[in-house]
Protein backbone atom coordinates (compact mmCIF):
# COMPACT_ATOMS: atom_id res chain seq x y z
CA MET A 1 -6.19 -27.90 18.97
CA THR A 2 -8.70 -25.77 17.10
CA ALA A 3 -8.38 -24.64 13.29
CA THR A 4 -7.62 -21.18 14.44
CA GLU A 5 -4.77 -22.40 16.67
CA LEU A 6 -3.33 -24.59 13.91
CA GLU A 7 -3.52 -21.54 11.53
CA VAL A 8 -1.65 -19.30 14.01
CA ARG A 9 1.00 -22.08 14.44
CA ARG A 10 1.33 -22.42 10.64
CA HIS A 11 1.64 -18.66 10.33
CA PHE A 12 4.57 -18.45 12.70
CA GLU A 13 6.31 -21.41 11.07
CA THR A 14 6.28 -19.75 7.53
CA VAL A 15 9.13 -17.84 6.33
CA SER A 16 8.65 -14.10 6.86
CA ILE A 17 8.91 -11.87 3.89
CA SER A 18 10.90 -8.70 3.32
CA ARG A 19 9.52 -5.24 3.67
CA ASP A 20 10.22 -4.77 -0.09
CA ALA A 21 8.16 -7.66 -1.11
CA ASN A 22 4.42 -7.35 -2.52
CA HIS A 23 2.50 -8.31 0.50
CA LEU A 24 -0.75 -8.69 -1.45
CA ASP A 25 1.07 -11.30 -3.71
CA TYR A 26 2.23 -13.17 -0.42
CA TRP A 27 -1.36 -13.34 1.03
CA ARG A 28 -2.70 -14.49 -2.30
CA ASP A 29 -0.27 -17.16 -2.49
CA HIS A 30 -0.89 -18.31 1.07
CA CYS A 31 -4.76 -17.91 1.15
CA ALA A 32 -5.20 -21.67 1.11
CA SER A 33 -2.92 -22.48 3.97
CA LEU A 34 -3.84 -19.31 6.02
CA PRO A 35 -7.46 -18.53 5.07
CA ARG A 36 -8.42 -16.55 8.20
CA PHE A 37 -5.19 -14.43 8.20
CA SER A 38 -5.39 -13.78 4.55
CA ILE A 39 -8.91 -12.28 4.98
CA ILE A 40 -7.64 -10.17 7.78
CA ALA A 41 -4.54 -9.14 5.72
CA ARG A 42 -6.69 -8.24 2.80
CA ASP A 43 -8.92 -6.08 4.83
CA VAL A 44 -5.99 -4.30 6.54
CA LEU A 45 -3.81 -3.89 3.31
CA SER A 46 -6.73 -2.35 1.50
CA ILE A 47 -7.08 0.70 3.81
CA PRO A 48 -5.91 3.80 2.08
CA ALA A 49 -2.55 5.26 3.32
CA THR A 50 -4.06 8.75 3.40
CA SER A 51 -7.21 10.55 4.06
CA VAL A 52 -6.92 12.66 0.89
CA PRO A 53 -9.88 11.00 -1.03
CA SER A 54 -12.26 11.54 1.86
CA GLU A 55 -11.04 15.17 2.37
CA ARG A 56 -11.40 15.93 -1.32
CA LEU A 57 -14.94 14.58 -1.26
CA PHE A 58 -15.79 16.86 1.79
CA SER A 59 -14.28 19.78 0.05
CA LYS A 60 -16.46 19.09 -3.30
CA ALA A 61 -19.53 18.75 -1.02
CA GLY A 62 -19.00 22.00 0.66
CA GLU A 63 -18.64 23.63 -2.73
CA LEU A 64 -21.76 21.99 -4.04
CA ILE A 65 -24.06 22.34 -1.01
CA SER A 66 -23.98 26.05 -0.19
CA ALA A 67 -26.50 28.70 0.59
CA ARG A 68 -26.98 29.33 -3.13
CA THR A 69 -27.87 25.76 -3.80
CA SER A 70 -29.92 25.02 -0.63
CA SER A 71 -32.87 23.97 -2.65
CA LEU A 72 -30.80 21.04 -4.06
CA LYS A 73 -32.34 17.81 -2.92
CA ALA A 74 -30.08 15.53 -0.85
CA LYS A 75 -30.59 12.54 -3.40
CA ASN A 76 -29.46 14.78 -6.19
CA ALA A 77 -26.48 16.11 -4.22
CA ASP A 78 -25.43 12.50 -3.43
CA MET A 79 -25.69 11.66 -7.20
CA ILE A 80 -23.50 14.73 -8.33
CA LEU A 81 -20.96 13.95 -5.69
CA PHE A 82 -20.74 10.22 -6.70
CA LEU A 83 -20.47 11.02 -10.31
CA ASN A 84 -17.87 13.73 -9.55
CA ASN A 85 -15.84 11.29 -7.58
CA MET A 86 -15.99 8.65 -10.39
CA ARG A 87 -13.99 11.20 -12.60
CA ASP A 88 -11.13 11.36 -10.14
């Protein structure tokens, strides 16, 4: 049996956690016994639940880059948007 198959078996043998539990704590506690699953869980659980941050950034970009500011260099626009996003 491969290491991945063993990890899958260990995962199904562990006690499941309730919906109210902190899933990040669970995966931090089990990262030694389930290393591959904990990496996947970290990636999946870090996905934002909404698209609001990206929509806000596009809105600010639209305000910044208009016909009035068409001479603004792309690098400078990126820097302004980055700094503006750091404030939020």
